[in-house]
Amino acid sequence: MRAAMSMLALSRWPGRLAALVIALALGACGGGAGVKPNELMDFTATAQTAVAWRASVGGSKHYLLTPAVAGGTVYAASSDGHIVALDESNGRQRWRTAAKELLTGAVGVGEGLILAGTRKGAVLAYGTDGKPLWRSQVSSEVVGAPQAARGTVVVRTVDGRIFGLEATSGERRWEHQVLLPSLLLRGDARVEFAGSTILAGLPGGRVLALDVASGDVLWESIVAQPTGDNEIERIADIAAPPAVDDEQACAAAYQGRIACIELQRGAVLWARDGSSSARVGIDPVTVYVSAPDGVVSAYDRQTGASLWKQDKLLNRSVSGPVAMGDFVIVGDYDGYVHVLDAEDGAFVARLSTDGSAIVAPPMRAGPGVVVQTSGGGLYAISVK
């Protein structure tokens, strides 16, 4: 039983910034008190997995730090400020730097920048050689890795602001304020770029689209409406970035619904009841969702029809899924990587890492994925 076992962080904002941060445990040992995670079942592996390489970057404490893969390099960070760049093919270290600050949002990559955010509201930009380029101050603690495209770095802060910064200098170009409820989930607050549009999942079950150049609102779509008799029951936040392709964005709200949205106008194409605090996975025909109780489900991307459910990971605090060809891959609270058949959800392979939680979704890299554990392990895993 580990402290990192997937807890959903809740923040309360009475009036201003100063806040109380608490944790809502959904199950035990991968859940909350009195709920036992499923024991792992035996099965006959029909896919092959192997650790191509492993490295140590440092722990993430209770922050959700996401690795990034770009240009043949894997970038990762620890909460104590270490940022590392590794060769994607063999894991050899290309550089390592120490920000000497507590990182709460890392790592973002784009526009030739390696980006991180700090607890004190600083956005740090490095070159692909690891040399510091600029530092920009925003309003409060950075939540989620800053992202960059089209000459703009976009960063979110814990007080509900989204900032657009000039990629070459960090100078502020625009700012957008999001109205926050009194209680909200703290999850993977990265934004997602779709061409010249920025997409963000918001509290209250909303997806917001902004223009990257101006920060103007293009549309706002409601995936789920908060309901319930108390503040916790009324949480219906989209606590992770939508999954995007050329025409659609798909997202899931906690205690709400799962939906796919038309990118041009923000129209909801379909929605169905469901719950997730993690990012959904998509491929050309399917949406994959990890529920808070550990059930992994697949839905038809055109209609929302249920295709399959894998319930043998119950209460194991399953990460968001990533789709990779014939496979769907998730991690769990105990450091296991599970490979499912994309066709029917059956287990086809399993691999153990360092025994600490895999909270961030696996990232596609080379012939497999990269996962980062809360204990600081970085693993490149081949799947075939």
Protein backbone atom coordinates (compact mmCIF):
# COMPACT_ATOMS: atom_id res chain seq x y z
CA MET A 1 0.00 0.00 0.00
CA ARG A 2 1.63 3.19 -1.15
CA ALA A 3 0.92 6.86 -0.62
CA ALA A 4 0.97 7.41 -4.38
CA MET A 5 -2.01 5.13 -4.93
CA SER A 6 -4.16 7.14 -7.20
CA MET A 7 -5.95 9.73 -5.24
CA LEU A 8 -7.92 12.50 -6.82
CA ALA A 9 -6.74 15.85 -5.50
CA LEU A 10 -9.45 18.34 -4.67
CA SER A 11 -8.83 22.07 -4.28
CA ARG A 12 -11.12 24.49 -2.47
CA TRP A 13 -10.91 28.21 -3.23
CA PRO A 14 -12.81 30.34 -0.69
CA GLY A 15 -12.76 33.73 -2.40
CA ARG A 16 -9.10 34.16 -3.35
CA LEU A 17 -6.03 32.06 -3.95
CA ALA A 18 -5.23 30.76 -0.51
CA ALA A 19 -6.70 27.30 -0.41
CA LEU A 20 -7.06 24.00 1.26
CA VAL A 21 -5.85 21.02 -0.73
CA ILE A 22 -7.29 17.68 0.29
CA ALA A 23 -7.45 14.25 -1.29
CA LEU A 24 -10.46 12.16 -2.11
CA ALA A 25 -9.49 8.50 -2.16
CA LEU A 26 -11.48 6.35 -4.55
CA GLY A 27 -10.80 2.87 -3.23
CA ALA A 28 -7.83 1.62 -1.18
CA CYS A 29 -4.34 0.53 -2.09
CA GLY A 30 -5.34 1.90 -5.37
CA GLY A 31 -8.50 3.13 -3.78
CA GLY A 32 -9.75 4.20 -0.33
CA ALA A 33 -10.15 2.61 3.05
CA GLY A 34 -11.87 -0.76 3.02
CA VAL A 35 -11.73 -1.31 -0.75
CA LYS A 36 -9.36 -3.99 -1.92
CA PRO A 37 -7.81 -3.82 -5.40
CA ASN A 38 -8.33 -6.82 -7.63
CA GLU A 39 -5.59 -9.41 -7.59
CA LEU A 40 -3.97 -9.78 -10.99
CA MET A 41 -5.37 -12.70 -12.95
CA ASP A 42 -3.26 -15.22 -14.84
CA PHE A 43 -3.58 -15.33 -18.61
CA THR A 44 -1.70 -16.62 -21.63
CA ALA A 45 0.28 -13.76 -23.15
CA THR A 46 -0.22 -13.37 -26.89
CA ALA A 47 1.88 -10.19 -27.25
CA GLN A 48 5.48 -9.60 -26.30
CA THR A 49 6.70 -6.83 -24.02
CA ALA A 50 10.22 -5.95 -22.96
CA VAL A 51 11.98 -3.10 -21.19
CA ALA A 52 14.08 -1.52 -23.94
CA TRP A 53 15.76 0.77 -21.41
CA ARG A 54 15.16 2.38 -18.05
CA ALA A 55 16.39 5.53 -16.34
CA SER A 56 15.88 7.43 -13.12
CA VAL A 57 14.60 11.01 -13.18
CA GLY A 58 13.45 11.49 -9.56
CA GLY A 59 10.10 11.26 -7.82
CA SER A 60 7.00 13.31 -8.56
CA LYS A 61 5.57 13.47 -5.01
CA HIS A 62 1.80 14.00 -5.44
CA TYR A 63 2.12 15.99 -8.68
CA LEU A 64 1.16 14.57 -12.04
CA LEU A 65 4.27 15.07 -14.17
CA THR A 66 4.06 13.88 -17.75
CA PRO A 67 7.02 12.88 -19.94
CA ALA A 68 7.19 14.14 -23.51
CA VAL A 69 8.60 12.57 -26.68
CA ALA A 70 9.81 14.68 -29.62
CA GLY A 71 12.56 14.58 -32.23
CA GLY A 72 13.96 11.23 -31.11
CA THR A 73 14.28 12.41 -27.50
CA VAL A 74 12.35 11.61 -24.32
CA TYR A 75 12.06 14.46 -21.83
CA ALA A 76 11.02 13.98 -18.21
CA ALA A 77 11.22 15.83 -14.90
CA SER A 78 11.01 15.31 -11.16
CA SER A 79 9.15 17.51 -8.72
CA ASP A 80 12.43 18.62 -7.11
CA GLY A 81 13.45 20.35 -10.34
CA HIS A 82 15.54 17.89 -12.33
CA ILE A 83 14.82 17.78 -16.08
CA VAL A 84 16.43 15.10 -18.20
CA ALA A 85 16.69 14.43 -21.94
CA LEU A 86 17.26 10.85 -23.08
CA ASP A 87 17.82 9.24 -26.45
CA GLU A 88 14.51 7.64 -27.44
CA SER A 89 16.19 4.58 -28.96
CA ASN A 90 18.57 3.58 -26.16
CA GLY A 91 17.90 5.77 -23.12
CA ARG A 92 21.33 7.38 -23.11
CA GLN A 93 21.33 10.72 -21.33
CA ARG A 94 21.79 13.70 -23.62
CA TRP A 95 21.60 16.27 -20.87
CA ARG A 96 20.29 16.90 -17.38
CA THR A 97 19.63 20.21 -15.70
CA ALA A 98 18.41 21.32 -12.29
CA ALA A 99 15.82 24.08 -12.10
CA LYS A 100 16.32 24.30 -8.32
CA GLU A 101 12.59 24.91 -7.92
CA LEU A 102 9.59 22.72 -7.13
CA LEU A 103 8.08 21.67 -10.47
CA THR A 104 4.32 21.18 -10.59
CA GLY A 105 3.88 21.14 -14.39
CA ALA A 106 6.29 19.28 -16.66
CA VAL A 107 7.36 18.48 -19.33
CA GLY A 108 6.06 20.33 -22.38
CA VAL A 109 7.74 20.38 -25.79
CA GLY A 110 7.18 22.59 -28.83
CA GLU A 111 8.57 25.48 -30.89
CA GLY A 112 12.11 24.28 -30.12
CA LEU A 113 11.45 24.64 -26.37
CA ILE A 114 11.46 22.32 -23.39
CA LEU A 115 8.99 23.72 -20.87
CA ALA A 116 8.16 23.34 -17.19
CA GLY A 117 6.13 25.22 -14.60
CA THR A 118 6.70 25.76 -10.90
CA ARG A 119 4.72 25.95 -7.70
CA LYS A 120 5.49 29.67 -7.45
CA GLY A 121 4.05 30.44 -10.88
CA ALA A 122 7.18 30.54 -13.02
CA VAL A 123 7.26 29.15 -16.56
CA LEU A 124 10.73 27.89 -17.46
CA ALA A 125 11.89 27.51 -21.06
CA TYR A 126 14.99 25.58 -22.14
CA GLY A 127 16.50 24.91 -25.53
CA THR A 128 16.71 21.36 -26.88
CA ASP A 129 20.31 21.40 -25.62
CA GLY A 130 19.14 21.99 -22.05
CA LYS A 131 20.31 25.61 -21.82
CA PRO A 132 17.92 28.06 -20.11
CA LEU A 133 16.31 30.51 -22.54
CA TRP A 134 13.78 32.49 -20.55
CA ARG A 135 11.64 32.61 -17.43
CA SER A 136 8.17 34.13 -17.26
CA GLN A 137 6.02 34.79 -14.21
CA VAL A 138 2.30 34.00 -14.28
CA SER A 139 -0.34 34.49 -11.60
CA SER A 140 -0.02 31.35 -9.46
CA GLU A 141 1.07 27.72 -9.34
CA VAL A 142 1.34 26.08 -12.76
CA VAL A 143 -0.89 23.03 -13.21
CA GLY A 144 -0.09 20.77 -16.13
CA ALA A 145 2.85 20.90 -18.49
CA PRO A 146 3.04 24.10 -20.58
CA GLN A 147 2.47 23.44 -24.28
CA ALA A 148 3.78 25.31 -27.33
CA ALA A 149 2.80 25.67 -30.98
CA ARG A 150 2.38 28.43 -33.57
CA GLY A 151 4.73 30.76 -31.74
CA THR A 152 2.80 30.60 -28.48
CA VAL A 153 3.37 28.87 -25.14
CA VAL A 154 0.12 28.12 -23.35
CA VAL A 155 0.07 27.50 -19.61
CA ARG A 156 -2.66 26.98 -17.00
CA THR A 157 -2.56 28.06 -13.37
CA VAL A 158 -4.29 26.84 -10.24
CA ASP A 159 -6.38 30.03 -9.93
CA GLY A 160 -8.22 29.27 -13.18
CA ARG A 161 -6.22 31.32 -15.67
CA ILE A 162 -4.91 30.31 -19.09
CA PHE A 163 -1.97 32.35 -20.40
CA GLY A 164 -0.57 32.72 -23.90
CA LEU A 165 3.13 33.63 -23.88
CA GLU A 166 5.41 34.62 -26.75
CA ALA A 167 7.52 31.53 -27.49
CA THR A 168 10.70 33.47 -28.22
CA SER A 169 10.72 35.56 -25.05
CA GLY A 170 8.04 34.43 -22.60
CA GLU A 171 6.35 37.83 -22.85
CA ARG A 172 2.63 37.68 -22.06
CA ARG A 173 0.40 37.96 -25.14
CA TRP A 174 -3.02 37.23 -23.67
CA GLU A 175 -4.83 35.88 -20.61
CA HIS A 176 -8.16 34.09 -20.18
CA GLN A 177 -9.94 33.68 -16.85
CA VAL A 178 -11.97 30.53 -16.14
CA LEU A 179 -14.70 30.62 -13.49
CA LEU A 180 -13.92 27.99 -10.85
CA PRO A 181 -16.39 26.20 -8.57
CA SER A 182 -15.67 26.02 -4.85
CA LEU A 183 -14.39 22.44 -5.15
CA LEU A 184 -12.60 20.95 -8.15
CA LEU A 185 -10.47 18.03 -9.20
CA ARG A 186 -6.79 18.58 -9.75
CA GLY A 187 -5.66 16.43 -12.64
CA ASP A 188 -3.69 16.69 -15.87
CA ALA A 189 -4.40 20.32 -16.77
CA ARG A 190 -2.42 20.49 -20.00
CA VAL A 191 -4.06 22.08 -23.01
CA GLU A 192 -4.19 20.42 -26.42
CA PHE A 193 -3.47 22.12 -29.74
CA ALA A 194 -5.61 21.48 -32.80
CA GLY A 195 -4.14 23.63 -35.54
CA SER A 196 -4.72 27.25 -34.51
CA THR A 197 -7.14 26.21 -31.76
CA ILE A 198 -6.36 25.50 -28.11
CA LEU A 199 -8.58 23.00 -26.30
CA ALA A 200 -8.86 22.77 -22.52
CA GLY A 201 -10.95 20.55 -20.26
CA LEU A 202 -12.64 22.62 -17.55
CA PRO A 203 -14.44 22.21 -14.23
CA GLY A 204 -18.17 21.71 -14.56
CA GLY A 205 -17.90 19.29 -17.48
CA ARG A 206 -16.94 21.83 -20.15
CA VAL A 207 -14.48 21.86 -23.06
CA LEU A 208 -13.17 25.29 -24.04
CA ALA A 209 -11.72 26.28 -27.42
CA LEU A 210 -9.51 29.39 -27.69
CA ASP A 211 -7.76 31.03 -30.62
CA VAL A 212 -4.02 30.53 -30.17
CA ALA A 213 -3.04 33.97 -31.47
CA SER A 214 -5.49 36.12 -29.49
CA GLY A 215 -6.88 33.93 -26.69
CA ASP A 216 -10.41 34.72 -27.90
CA VAL A 217 -13.11 32.16 -27.11
CA LEU A 218 -14.12 30.21 -30.21
CA TRP A 219 -16.66 27.97 -28.51
CA GLU A 220 -17.46 26.24 -25.26
CA SER A 221 -19.13 22.84 -25.22
CA ILE A 222 -20.92 21.18 -22.31
CA VAL A 223 -20.07 17.50 -21.90
CA ALA A 224 -21.71 17.04 -18.48
CA GLN A 225 -23.82 19.05 -16.04
CA PRO A 226 -23.00 18.91 -12.31
CA THR A 227 -25.69 17.17 -10.27
CA GLY A 228 -25.99 15.92 -6.70
CA ASP A 229 -26.87 16.89 -3.15
CA ASN A 230 -23.44 18.13 -2.01
CA GLU A 231 -20.25 19.66 -3.39
CA ILE A 232 -18.46 16.34 -3.89
CA GLU A 233 -21.41 14.78 -5.71
CA ARG A 234 -21.61 17.84 -7.95
CA ILE A 235 -18.02 17.53 -9.18
CA ALA A 236 -18.22 16.89 -12.92
CA ASP A 237 -14.82 18.20 -14.00
CA ILE A 238 -12.94 17.36 -17.16
CA ALA A 239 -9.60 16.99 -15.40
CA ALA A 240 -7.45 16.07 -18.43
CA PRO A 241 -6.88 17.44 -21.93
CA PRO A 242 -9.25 16.24 -24.67
CA ALA A 243 -7.89 13.70 -27.15
CA VAL A 244 -7.85 15.33 -30.60
CA ASP A 245 -7.56 14.42 -34.24
CA ASP A 246 -8.32 16.40 -37.41
CA GLU A 247 -12.10 16.56 -36.93
CA GLN A 248 -13.00 15.56 -33.38
CA ALA A 249 -12.13 16.09 -29.74
CA CYS A 250 -13.14 13.44 -27.23
CA ALA A 251 -13.23 13.88 -23.46
CA ALA A 252 -14.69 12.43 -20.27
CA ALA A 253 -16.03 14.20 -17.19
CA TYR A 254 -15.71 12.80 -13.70
CA GLN A 255 -19.16 11.65 -12.47
CA GLY A 256 -20.55 12.86 -15.77
CA ARG A 257 -20.42 11.77 -19.39
CA ILE A 258 -18.09 10.71 -22.16
CA ALA A 259 -18.44 12.64 -25.41
CA CYS A 260 -16.95 13.41 -28.80
CA ILE A 261 -17.18 16.96 -30.12
CA GLU A 262 -16.98 18.41 -33.62
CA LEU A 263 -13.90 20.64 -33.71
CA GLN A 264 -15.14 23.35 -36.06
CA ARG A 265 -18.21 24.47 -34.09
CA GLY A 266 -18.01 22.61 -30.78
CA ALA A 267 -21.19 20.62 -31.40
CA VAL A 268 -21.49 17.45 -29.32
CA LEU A 269 -21.65 14.55 -31.76
CA TRP A 270 -22.61 12.05 -29.07
CA ALA A 271 -22.46 11.67 -25.32
CA ARG A 272 -23.16 8.86 -22.91
CA ASP A 273 -23.05 8.42 -19.16
CA GLY A 274 -19.61 7.61 -17.79
CA SER A 275 -16.86 8.85 -15.53
CA SER A 276 -13.13 9.44 -15.73
CA SER A 277 -10.58 11.80 -14.25
CA ALA A 278 -7.96 10.76 -16.83
CA ARG A 279 -7.39 11.54 -20.47
CA VAL A 280 -9.23 9.28 -22.90
CA GLY A 281 -7.41 7.38 -25.64
CA ILE A 282 -8.53 7.36 -29.26
CA ASP A 283 -7.77 5.62 -32.51
CA PRO A 284 -9.58 6.17 -35.84
CA VAL A 285 -12.64 4.15 -34.79
CA THR A 286 -12.66 3.83 -31.00
CA VAL A 287 -12.57 5.85 -27.76
CA TYR A 288 -10.95 4.19 -24.74
CA VAL A 289 -11.75 5.29 -21.19
CA SER A 290 -10.35 4.39 -17.75
CA ALA A 291 -13.02 4.86 -15.07
CA PRO A 292 -12.13 5.88 -11.49
CA ASP A 293 -12.92 2.34 -10.31
CA GLY A 294 -10.37 0.86 -12.74
CA VAL A 295 -12.74 -0.44 -15.41
CA VAL A 296 -11.38 0.16 -18.93
CA SER A 297 -14.06 0.58 -21.62
CA ALA A 298 -14.19 1.06 -25.37
CA TYR A 299 -16.79 3.02 -27.33
CA ASP A 300 -17.49 3.47 -31.02
CA ARG A 301 -16.19 6.91 -32.05
CA GLN A 302 -19.04 7.60 -34.46
CA THR A 303 -22.01 6.56 -32.31
CA GLY A 304 -20.80 6.16 -28.73
CA ALA A 305 -22.01 2.56 -28.66
CA SER A 306 -20.33 0.41 -26.02
CA LEU A 307 -17.90 -2.12 -27.56
CA TRP A 308 -16.32 -3.82 -24.53
CA LYS A 309 -15.41 -3.50 -20.87
CA GLN A 310 -12.40 -4.88 -19.01
CA ASP A 311 -13.28 -5.07 -15.29
CA LYS A 312 -10.39 -7.19 -13.99
CA LEU A 313 -8.39 -4.11 -12.92
CA LEU A 314 -10.99 -2.97 -10.42
CA ASN A 315 -9.69 -0.54 -7.77
CA ARG A 316 -6.13 -0.64 -9.17
CA SER A 317 -6.11 3.10 -9.94
CA VAL A 318 -5.64 2.66 -13.66
CA SER A 319 -3.99 5.45 -15.68
CA GLY A 320 -5.47 6.97 -18.77
CA PRO A 321 -5.19 4.60 -21.76
CA VAL A 322 -3.10 5.00 -24.88
CA ALA A 323 -4.08 3.32 -28.16
CA MET A 324 -1.25 1.74 -30.15
CA GLY A 325 -2.32 -0.20 -33.21
CA ASP A 326 -3.84 -3.50 -32.07
CA PHE A 327 -3.26 -2.66 -28.41
CA VAL A 328 -4.53 -0.45 -25.61
CA ILE A 329 -2.02 0.19 -22.82
CA VAL A 330 -2.59 1.39 -19.23
CA GLY A 331 -0.55 1.53 -16.03
CA ASP A 332 -1.69 0.97 -12.45
CA TYR A 333 -0.97 1.95 -8.83
CA ASP A 334 1.50 -0.91 -8.36
CA GLY A 335 3.70 -0.07 -11.33
CA TYR A 336 2.30 -2.68 -13.72
CA VAL A 337 1.84 -1.97 -17.41
CA HIS A 338 -1.16 -3.81 -18.84
CA VAL A 339 -1.58 -4.44 -22.57
CA LEU A 340 -5.13 -5.10 -23.77
CA ASP A 341 -6.42 -6.27 -27.12
CA ALA A 342 -8.01 -3.26 -28.81
CA GLU A 343 -10.62 -5.53 -30.38
CA ASP A 344 -12.16 -7.00 -27.24
CA GLY A 345 -10.24 -5.73 -24.19
CA ALA A 346 -8.68 -9.08 -23.33
CA PHE A 347 -5.29 -9.11 -21.59
CA VAL A 348 -2.48 -9.90 -24.02
CA ALA A 349 0.62 -8.90 -22.00
CA ARG A 350 1.76 -7.49 -18.66
CA LEU A 351 5.04 -6.03 -17.42
CA SER A 352 6.19 -4.86 -13.99
CA THR A 353 8.24 -1.70 -13.39
CA ASP A 354 9.48 -0.44 -10.00
CA GLY A 355 6.35 -1.01 -7.92
CA SER A 356 5.35 2.66 -7.63
CA ALA A 357 2.27 4.17 -9.24
CA ILE A 358 1.97 4.96 -12.94
CA VAL A 359 -0.36 7.95 -12.85
CA ALA A 360 0.24 9.73 -16.16
CA PRO A 361 -0.92 7.94 -19.31
CA PRO A 362 1.80 6.02 -21.17
CA MET A 363 3.35 8.02 -24.02
CA ARG A 364 3.88 6.46 -27.43
CA ALA A 365 7.56 6.15 -28.30
CA GLY A 366 9.37 4.00 -30.85
CA PRO A 367 7.90 0.49 -31.05
CA GLY A 368 6.05 0.91 -27.77
CA VAL A 369 5.53 3.37 -24.93
CA VAL A 370 7.35 5.34 -22.26
CA VAL A 371 5.95 5.36 -18.72
CA GLN A 372 7.02 7.44 -15.74
CA THR A 373 6.43 6.14 -12.22
CA SER A 374 5.79 8.23 -9.14
CA GLY A 375 8.98 6.76 -7.68
CA GLY A 376 11.03 8.35 -10.44
CA GLY A 377 11.51 5.48 -12.86
CA LEU A 378 11.33 6.10 -16.60
CA TYR A 379 10.75 2.97 -18.70
CA ALA A 380 10.76 2.50 -22.46
CA ILE A 381 8.70 -0.60 -23.17
CA SER A 382 8.47 -2.33 -26.52
CA VAL A 383 5.18 -3.99 -27.44
CA LYS A 384 4.63 -6.32 -30.35
